[in-house]
Amino acid sequence: GSGNPFVVRVSTDQHGCVRLEVHDQARDTGPVLA
């Protein structure tokens, strides 16, 4: 609803590990497990 875009970042390392990130502009505490 804010109209602000979000960013998806993917990082890999030499061992094949992957880090997935989603950056948004909401300053809330973020998602939690129900």
PDB file of all heavy atoms in Angstrom:
ATOM      1  N   GLY A   1       0.805  -1.213   0.000  1.00  0.00           N
ATOM      2  CA  GLY A   1       0.000   0.000   0.000  1.00  0.00           C
ATOM      3  C   GLY A   1       0.839   1.266   0.000  1.00  0.00           C
ATOM      4  O   GLY A   1       0.382   2.323  -0.387  1.00  0.00           O
ATOM      5  N   SER A   2       2.099   1.141   0.404  1.00  0.00           N
ATOM      6  CA  SER A   2       2.970   2.316   0.459  1.00  0.00           C
ATOM      7  C   SER A   2       3.487   2.706  -0.922  1.00  0.00           C
ATOM      8  O   SER A   2       3.950   3.822  -1.111  1.00  0.00           O
ATOM      9  CB  SER A   2       4.169   2.033   1.369  1.00  0.00           C
ATOM     10  OG  SER A   2       5.002   1.049   0.772  1.00  0.00           O
ATOM     11  N   GLY A   3       3.442   1.770  -1.856  1.00  0.00           N
ATOM     12  CA  GLY A   3       3.982   2.032  -3.186  1.00  0.00           C
ATOM     13  C   GLY A   3       5.485   1.901  -3.271  1.00  0.00           C
ATOM     14  O   GLY A   3       6.077   2.081  -4.323  1.00  0.00           O
ATOM     15  N   ASN A   4       6.133   1.572  -2.153  1.00  0.00           N
ATOM     16  CA  ASN A   4       7.585   1.430  -2.144  1.00  0.00           C
ATOM     17  C   ASN A   4       7.998   0.059  -2.675  1.00  0.00           C
ATOM     18  O   ASN A   4       7.410  -0.953  -2.299  1.00  0.00           O
ATOM     19  CB  ASN A   4       8.136   1.593  -0.724  1.00  0.00           C
ATOM     20  CG  ASN A   4       7.964   3.000  -0.215  1.00  0.00           C
ATOM     21  OD1 ASN A   4       8.116   3.960  -0.959  1.00  0.00           O
ATOM     22  ND2 ASN A   4       7.627   3.124   1.056  1.00  0.00           N
ATOM     23  N   PRO A   5       9.006   0.027  -3.521  1.00  0.00           N
ATOM     24  CA  PRO A   5       9.477  -1.257  -4.047  1.00  0.00           C
ATOM     25  C   PRO A   5      10.195  -2.069  -2.977  1.00  0.00           C
ATOM     26  O   PRO A   5      10.504  -1.576  -1.892  1.00  0.00           O
ATOM     27  CB  PRO A   5      10.446  -0.845  -5.153  1.00  0.00           C
ATOM     28  CG  PRO A   5      10.926   0.506  -4.751  1.00  0.00           C
ATOM     29  CD  PRO A   5       9.786   1.152  -4.015  1.00  0.00           C
ATOM     30  N   PHE A   6      10.438  -3.336  -3.298  1.00  0.00           N
ATOM     31  CA  PHE A   6      11.239  -4.183  -2.429  1.00  0.00           C
ATOM     32  C   PHE A   6      12.387  -4.753  -3.249  1.00  0.00           C
ATOM     33  O   PHE A   6      12.336  -4.770  -4.481  1.00  0.00           O
ATOM     34  CB  PHE A   6      10.408  -5.292  -1.769  1.00  0.00           C
ATOM     35  CG  PHE A   6       9.797  -6.286  -2.721  1.00  0.00           C
ATOM     36  CD1 PHE A   6      10.429  -7.490  -2.998  1.00  0.00           C
ATOM     37  CD2 PHE A   6       8.579  -6.026  -3.333  1.00  0.00           C
ATOM     38  CE1 PHE A   6       9.875  -8.413  -3.866  1.00  0.00           C
ATOM     39  CE2 PHE A   6       8.008  -6.943  -4.210  1.00  0.00           C
ATOM     40  CZ  PHE A   6       8.663  -8.138  -4.474  1.00  0.00           C
ATOM     41  N   VAL A   7      13.431  -5.186  -2.578  1.00  0.00           N
ATOM     42  CA  VAL A   7      14.635  -5.698  -3.237  1.00  0.00           C
ATOM     43  C   VAL A   7      14.829  -7.154  -2.837  1.00  0.00           C
ATOM     44  O   VAL A   7      14.693  -7.506  -1.657  1.00  0.00           O
ATOM     45  CB  VAL A   7      15.878  -4.874  -2.836  1.00  0.00           C
ATOM     46  CG1 VAL A   7      17.159  -5.498  -3.375  1.00  0.00           C
ATOM     47  CG2 VAL A   7      15.739  -3.439  -3.329  1.00  0.00           C
ATOM     48  N   VAL A   8      15.145  -7.987  -3.830  1.00  0.00           N
ATOM     49  CA  VAL A   8      15.537  -9.371  -3.566  1.00  0.00           C
ATOM     50  C   VAL A   8      17.019  -9.477  -3.858  1.00  0.00           C
ATOM     51  O   VAL A   8      17.481  -9.079  -4.923  1.00  0.00           O
ATOM     52  CB  VAL A   8      14.745 -10.359  -4.448  1.00  0.00           C
ATOM     53  CG1 VAL A   8      15.261 -11.786  -4.259  1.00  0.00           C
ATOM     54  CG2 VAL A   8      13.256 -10.279  -4.142  1.00  0.00           C
ATOM     55  N   ARG A   9      17.775  -9.981  -2.877  1.00  0.00           N
ATOM     56  CA  ARG A   9      19.220 -10.174  -3.025  1.00  0.00           C
ATOM     57  C   ARG A   9      19.531 -11.651  -2.800  1.00  0.00           C
ATOM     58  O   ARG A   9      19.032 -12.256  -1.859  1.00  0.00           O
ATOM     59  CB  ARG A   9      19.982  -9.323  -2.016  1.00  0.00           C
ATOM     60  CG  ARG A   9      21.501  -9.511  -2.124  1.00  0.00           C
ATOM     61  CD  ARG A   9      22.248  -8.706  -1.089  1.00  0.00           C
ATOM     62  NE  ARG A   9      22.093  -7.287  -1.390  1.00  0.00           N
ATOM     63  CZ  ARG A   9      22.349  -6.313  -0.523  1.00  0.00           C
ATOM     64  NH1 ARG A   9      22.759  -6.592   0.686  1.00  0.00           N
ATOM     65  NH2 ARG A   9      22.207  -5.055  -0.876  1.00  0.00           N
ATOM     66  N   VAL A  10      20.354 -12.205  -3.683  1.00  0.00           N
ATOM     67  CA  VAL A  10      20.801 -13.595  -3.563  1.00  0.00           C
ATOM     68  C   VAL A  10      22.321 -13.587  -3.508  1.00  0.00           C
ATOM     69  O   VAL A  10      22.974 -12.970  -4.342  1.00  0.00           O
ATOM     70  CB  VAL A  10      20.326 -14.448  -4.760  1.00  0.00           C
ATOM     71  CG1 VAL A  10      20.784 -15.883  -4.617  1.00  0.00           C
ATOM     72  CG2 VAL A  10      18.817 -14.378  -4.911  1.00  0.00           C
ATOM     73  N   SER A  11      22.874 -14.280  -2.521  1.00  0.00           N
ATOM     74  CA  SER A  11      24.323 -14.400  -2.375  1.00  0.00           C
ATOM     75  C   SER A  11      24.677 -15.875  -2.293  1.00  0.00           C
ATOM     76  O   SER A  11      23.961 -16.656  -1.664  1.00  0.00           O
ATOM     77  CB  SER A  11      24.803 -13.715  -1.101  1.00  0.00           C
ATOM     78  OG  SER A  11      24.415 -12.370  -1.078  1.00  0.00           O
ATOM     79  N   THR A  12      25.781 -16.228  -2.923  1.00  0.00           N
ATOM     80  CA  THR A  12      26.309 -17.583  -2.791  1.00  0.00           C
ATOM     81  C   THR A  12      27.758 -17.484  -2.345  1.00  0.00           C
ATOM     82  O   THR A  12      28.406 -16.458  -2.536  1.00  0.00           O
ATOM     83  CB  THR A  12      26.237 -18.382  -4.105  1.00  0.00           C
ATOM     84  OG1 THR A  12      27.062 -17.742  -5.074  1.00  0.00           O
ATOM     85  CG2 THR A  12      24.814 -18.471  -4.623  1.00  0.00           C
ATOM     86  N   ASP A  13      28.250 -18.569  -1.761  1.00  0.00           N
ATOM     87  CA  ASP A  13      29.659 -18.594  -1.403  1.00  0.00           C
ATOM     88  C   ASP A  13      30.341 -19.782  -2.070  1.00  0.00           C
ATOM     89  O   ASP A  13      29.708 -20.546  -2.795  1.00  0.00           O
ATOM     90  CB  ASP A  13      29.858 -18.577   0.116  1.00  0.00           C
ATOM     91  CG  ASP A  13      29.412 -19.849   0.809  1.00  0.00           C
ATOM     92  OD1 ASP A  13      29.164 -20.873   0.139  1.00  0.00           O
ATOM     93  OD2 ASP A  13      29.318 -19.833   2.038  1.00  0.00           O
ATOM     94  N   GLN A  14      31.638 -19.921  -1.809  1.00  0.00           N
ATOM     95  CA  GLN A  14      32.426 -20.946  -2.483  1.00  0.00           C
ATOM     96  C   GLN A  14      31.998 -22.361  -2.106  1.00  0.00           C
ATOM     97  O   GLN A  14      32.334 -23.310  -2.786  1.00  0.00           O
ATOM     98  CB  GLN A  14      33.932 -20.749  -2.213  1.00  0.00           C
ATOM     99  CG  GLN A  14      34.350 -20.994  -0.780  1.00  0.00           C
ATOM    100  CD  GLN A  14      34.236 -19.762   0.110  1.00  0.00           C
ATOM    101  OE1 GLN A  14      33.529 -18.795  -0.200  1.00  0.00           O
ATOM    102  NE2 GLN A  14      34.940 -19.784   1.238  1.00  0.00           N
ATOM    103  N   HIS A  15      31.227 -22.518  -1.029  1.00  0.00           N
ATOM    104  CA  HIS A  15      30.775 -23.832  -0.591  1.00  0.00           C
ATOM    105  C   HIS A  15      29.398 -24.180  -1.139  1.00  0.00           C
ATOM    106  O   HIS A  15      28.891 -25.257  -0.857  1.00  0.00           O
ATOM    107  CB  HIS A  15      30.756 -23.902   0.930  1.00  0.00           C
ATOM    108  CG  HIS A  15      32.082 -23.592   1.547  1.00  0.00           C
ATOM    109  ND1 HIS A  15      33.184 -24.401   1.415  1.00  0.00           N
ATOM    110  CD2 HIS A  15      32.482 -22.533   2.285  1.00  0.00           C
ATOM    111  CE1 HIS A  15      34.205 -23.866   2.051  1.00  0.00           C
ATOM    112  NE2 HIS A  15      33.802 -22.722   2.582  1.00  0.00           N
ATOM    113  N   GLY A  16      28.777 -23.256  -1.850  1.00  0.00           N
ATOM    114  CA  GLY A  16      27.448 -23.491  -2.392  1.00  0.00           C
ATOM    115  C   GLY A  16      26.322 -23.076  -1.469  1.00  0.00           C
ATOM    116  O   GLY A  16      25.165 -23.361  -1.744  1.00  0.00           O
ATOM    117  N   CYS A  17      26.647 -22.426  -0.371  1.00  0.00           N
ATOM    118  CA  CYS A  17      25.613 -21.909   0.526  1.00  0.00           C
ATOM    119  C   CYS A  17      24.935 -20.725  -0.156  1.00  0.00           C
ATOM    120  O   CYS A  17      25.564 -19.973  -0.892  1.00  0.00           O
ATOM    121  CB  CYS A  17      26.218 -21.461   1.848  1.00  0.00           C
ATOM    122  SG  CYS A  17      27.053 -22.762   2.747  1.00  0.00           S
ATOM    123  N   VAL A  18      23.657 -20.566   0.091  1.00  0.00           N
ATOM    124  CA  VAL A  18      22.885 -19.482  -0.510  1.00  0.00           C
ATOM    125  C   VAL A  18      22.208 -18.693   0.605  1.00  0.00           C
ATOM    126  O   VAL A  18      21.644 -19.261   1.535  1.00  0.00           O
ATOM    127  CB  VAL A  18      21.816 -20.021  -1.483  1.00  0.00           C
ATOM    128  CG1 VAL A  18      20.929 -18.896  -1.995  1.00  0.00           C
ATOM    129  CG2 VAL A  18      22.462 -20.765  -2.631  1.00  0.00           C
ATOM    130  N   ARG A  19      22.288 -17.388   0.486  1.00  0.00           N
ATOM    131  CA  ARG A  19      21.572 -16.484   1.383  1.00  0.00           C
ATOM    132  C   ARG A  19      20.583 -15.706   0.528  1.00  0.00           C
ATOM    133  O   ARG A  19      20.953 -15.053  -0.443  1.00  0.00           O
ATOM    134  CB  ARG A  19      22.540 -15.540   2.088  1.00  0.00           C
ATOM    135  CG  ARG A  19      21.833 -14.605   3.056  1.00  0.00           C
ATOM    136  CD  ARG A  19      22.858 -13.680   3.711  1.00  0.00           C
ATOM    137  NE  ARG A  19      22.211 -12.657   4.485  1.00  0.00           N
ATOM    138  CZ  ARG A  19      21.937 -12.753   5.778  1.00  0.00           C
ATOM    139  NH1 ARG A  19      22.245 -13.842   6.434  1.00  0.00           N
ATOM    140  NH2 ARG A  19      21.352 -11.757   6.416  1.00  0.00           N
ATOM    141  N   LEU A  20      19.323 -15.792   0.890  1.00  0.00           N
ATOM    142  CA  LEU A  20      18.243 -15.090   0.216  1.00  0.00           C
ATOM    143  C   LEU A  20      17.772 -13.977   1.135  1.00  0.00           C
ATOM    144  O   LEU A  20      17.529 -14.212   2.324  1.00  0.00           O
ATOM    145  CB  LEU A  20      17.099 -16.066  -0.067  1.00  0.00           C
ATOM    146  CG  LEU A  20      15.797 -15.483  -0.587  1.00  0.00           C
ATOM    147  CD1 LEU A  20      15.996 -14.881  -1.971  1.00  0.00           C
ATOM    148  CD2 LEU A  20      14.731 -16.564  -0.612  1.00  0.00           C
ATOM    149  N   GLU A  21      17.665 -12.763   0.599  1.00  0.00           N
ATOM    150  CA  GLU A  21      17.203 -11.621   1.390  1.00  0.00           C
ATOM    151  C   GLU A  21      16.101 -10.895   0.640  1.00  0.00           C
ATOM    152  O   GLU A  21      16.183 -10.729  -0.575  1.00  0.00           O
ATOM    153  CB  GLU A  21      18.336 -10.628   1.629  1.00  0.00           C
ATOM    154  CG  GLU A  21      19.516 -11.179   2.366  1.00  0.00           C
ATOM    155  CD  GLU A  21      20.662 -10.187   2.490  1.00  0.00           C
ATOM    156  OE1 GLU A  21      20.598  -9.081   1.892  1.00  0.00           O
ATOM    157  OE2 GLU A  21      21.626 -10.517   3.183  1.00  0.00           O
ATOM    158  N   VAL A  22      15.099 -10.453   1.376  1.00  0.00           N
ATOM    159  CA  VAL A  22      14.087  -9.553   0.830  1.00  0.00           C
ATOM    160  C   VAL A  22      14.107  -8.303   1.702  1.00  0.00           C
ATOM    161  O   VAL A  22      13.874  -8.362   2.908  1.00  0.00           O
ATOM    162  CB  VAL A  22      12.689 -10.197   0.797  1.00  0.00           C
ATOM    163  CG1 VAL A  22      11.652  -9.179   0.340  1.00  0.00           C
ATOM    164  CG2 VAL A  22      12.688 -11.408  -0.137  1.00  0.00           C
ATOM    165  N   HIS A  23      14.447  -7.189   1.075  1.00  0.00           N
ATOM    166  CA  HIS A  23      14.543  -5.888   1.745  1.00  0.00           C
ATOM    167  C   HIS A  23      13.258  -5.118   1.440  1.00  0.00           C
ATOM    168  O   HIS A  23      12.872  -5.011   0.276  1.00  0.00           O
ATOM    169  CB  HIS A  23      15.707  -5.077   1.182  1.00  0.00           C
ATOM    170  CG  HIS A  23      17.039  -5.728   1.351  1.00  0.00           C
ATOM    171  ND1 HIS A  23      18.023  -5.187   2.143  1.00  0.00           N
ATOM    172  CD2 HIS A  23      17.560  -6.868   0.823  1.00  0.00           C
ATOM    173  CE1 HIS A  23      19.095  -5.966   2.100  1.00  0.00           C
ATOM    174  NE2 HIS A  23      18.838  -6.987   1.298  1.00  0.00           N
ATOM    175  N   ASP A  24      12.620  -4.600   2.485  1.00  0.00           N
ATOM    176  CA  ASP A  24      11.487  -3.710   2.241  1.00  0.00           C
ATOM    177  C   ASP A  24      11.632  -2.474   3.113  1.00  0.00           C
ATOM    178  O   ASP A  24      12.537  -2.390   3.938  1.00  0.00           O
ATOM    179  CB  ASP A  24      10.140  -4.422   2.434  1.00  0.00           C
ATOM    180  CG  ASP A  24       9.867  -4.833   3.867  1.00  0.00           C
ATOM    181  OD1 ASP A  24      10.082  -4.021   4.794  1.00  0.00           O
ATOM    182  OD2 ASP A  24       9.434  -5.978   4.081  1.00  0.00           O
ATOM    183  N   GLN A  25      10.764  -1.518   2.888  1.00  0.00           N
ATOM    184  CA  GLN A  25      10.901  -0.240   3.570  1.00  0.00           C
ATOM    185  C   GLN A  25       9.966  -0.088   4.764  1.00  0.00           C
ATOM    186  O   GLN A  25       9.832   1.002   5.306  1.00  0.00           O
ATOM    187  CB  GLN A  25      10.716   0.889   2.561  1.00  0.00           C
ATOM    188  CG  GLN A  25      11.836   0.872   1.532  1.00  0.00           C
ATOM    189  CD  GLN A  25      11.708   1.967   0.507  1.00  0.00           C
ATOM    190  OE1 GLN A  25      11.205   3.049   0.801  1.00  0.00           O
ATOM    191  NE2 GLN A  25      12.167   1.694  -0.707  1.00  0.00           N
ATOM    192  N   ALA A  26       9.362  -1.191   5.190  1.00  0.00           N
ATOM    193  CA  ALA A  26       8.527  -1.147   6.393  1.00  0.00           C
ATOM    194  C   ALA A  26       9.430  -1.221   7.616  1.00  0.00           C
ATOM    195  O   ALA A  26      10.370  -2.005   7.654  1.00  0.00           O
ATOM    196  CB  ALA A  26       7.541  -2.307   6.392  1.00  0.00           C
ATOM    197  N   ARG A  27       9.152  -0.407   8.585  1.00  0.00           N
ATOM    198  CA  ARG A  27       9.985  -0.371   9.788  1.00  0.00           C
ATOM    199  C   ARG A  27       9.379  -1.194  10.928  1.00  0.00           C
ATOM    200  O   ARG A  27       9.764  -1.044  12.076  1.00  0.00           O
ATOM    201  CB  ARG A  27      10.216   1.063  10.221  1.00  0.00           C
ATOM    202  CG  ARG A  27      11.028   1.829   9.192  1.00  0.00           C
ATOM    203  CD  ARG A  27      11.592   3.094   9.789  1.00  0.00           C
ATOM    204  NE  ARG A  27      12.379   3.797   8.801  1.00  0.00           N
ATOM    205  CZ  ARG A  27      13.662   3.603   8.587  1.00  0.00           C
ATOM    206  NH1 ARG A  27      14.306   2.703   9.286  1.00  0.00           N
ATOM    207  NH2 ARG A  27      14.319   4.284   7.673  1.00  0.00           N
ATOM    208  N   ASP A  28       8.463  -2.090  10.588  1.00  0.00           N
ATOM    209  CA  ASP A  28       7.892  -2.949  11.620  1.00  0.00           C
ATOM    210  C   ASP A  28       8.911  -4.011  12.027  1.00  0.00           C
ATOM    211  O   ASP A  28      10.012  -4.080  11.493  1.00  0.00           O
ATOM    212  CB  ASP A  28       6.589  -3.590  11.141  1.00  0.00           C
ATOM    213  CG  ASP A  28       6.767  -4.445   9.889  1.00  0.00           C
ATOM    214  OD1 ASP A  28       7.913  -4.725   9.496  1.00  0.00           O
ATOM    215  OD2 ASP A  28       5.748  -4.833   9.302  1.00  0.00           O
ATOM    216  N   THR A  29       8.552  -4.829  12.966  1.00  0.00           N
ATOM    217  CA  THR A  29       9.479  -5.846  13.455  1.00  0.00           C
ATOM    218  C   THR A  29       9.592  -7.027  12.512  1.00  0.00           C
ATOM    219  O   THR A  29      10.445  -7.880  12.703  1.00  0.00           O
ATOM    220  CB  THR A  29       9.049  -6.355  14.841  1.00  0.00           C
ATOM    221  OG1 THR A  29       7.725  -6.884  14.746  1.00  0.00           O
ATOM    222  CG2 THR A  29       9.125  -5.236  15.861  1.00  0.00           C
ATOM    223  N   GLY A  30       8.733  -7.088  11.521  1.00  0.00           N
ATOM    224  CA  GLY A  30       8.827  -8.151  10.533  1.00  0.00           C
ATOM    225  C   GLY A  30       7.932  -9.325  10.837  1.00  0.00           C
ATOM    226  O   GLY A  30       7.193  -9.340  11.813  1.00  0.00           O
ATOM    227  N   PRO A  31       8.024 -10.332   9.990  1.00  0.00           N
ATOM    228  CA  PRO A  31       7.147 -11.493  10.123  1.00  0.00           C
ATOM    229  C   PRO A  31       7.524 -12.335  11.342  1.00  0.00           C
ATOM    230  O   PRO A  31       8.669 -12.338  11.790  1.00  0.00           O
ATOM    231  CB  PRO A  31       7.389 -12.267   8.836  1.00  0.00           C
ATOM    232  CG  PRO A  31       8.763 -11.881   8.411  1.00  0.00           C
ATOM    233  CD  PRO A  31       8.928 -10.454   8.859  1.00  0.00           C
ATOM    234  N   VAL A  32       6.534 -13.025  11.849  1.00  0.00           N
ATOM    235  CA  VAL A  32       6.729 -13.945  12.962  1.00  0.00           C
ATOM    236  C   VAL A  32       5.992 -15.239  12.637  1.00  0.00           C
ATOM    237  O   VAL A  32       5.089 -15.262  11.800  1.00  0.00           O
ATOM    238  CB  VAL A  32       6.209 -13.370  14.303  1.00  0.00           C
ATOM    239  CG1 VAL A  32       7.016 -12.154  14.726  1.00  0.00           C
ATOM    240  CG2 VAL A  32       4.734 -13.018  14.199  1.00  0.00           C
ATOM    241  N   LEU A  33       6.372 -16.298  13.310  1.00  0.00           N
ATOM    242  CA  LEU A  33       5.659 -17.556  13.167  1.00  0.00           C
ATOM    243  C   LEU A  33       4.346 -17.472  13.932  1.00  0.00           C
ATOM    244  O   LEU A  33       4.316 -17.016  15.076  1.00  0.00           O
ATOM    245  CB  LEU A  33       6.491 -18.717  13.707  1.00  0.00           C
ATOM    246  CG  LEU A  33       7.727 -19.072  12.903  1.00  0.00           C
ATOM    247  CD1 LEU A  33       8.533 -20.135  13.635  1.00  0.00           C
ATOM    248  CD2 LEU A  33       7.345 -19.564  11.521  1.00  0.00           C
ATOM    249  N   ALA A  34       3.284 -17.923  13.288  1.00  0.00           N
ATOM    250  CA  ALA A  34       1.983 -17.928  13.956  1.00  0.00           C
ATOM    251  C   ALA A  34       1.967 -18.991  15.048  1.00  0.00           C
ATOM    252  O   ALA A  34       2.471 -20.098  14.850  1.00  0.00           O
ATOM    253  CB  ALA A  34       0.884 -18.195  12.934  1.00  0.00           C
TER     254      ALA A  34
END
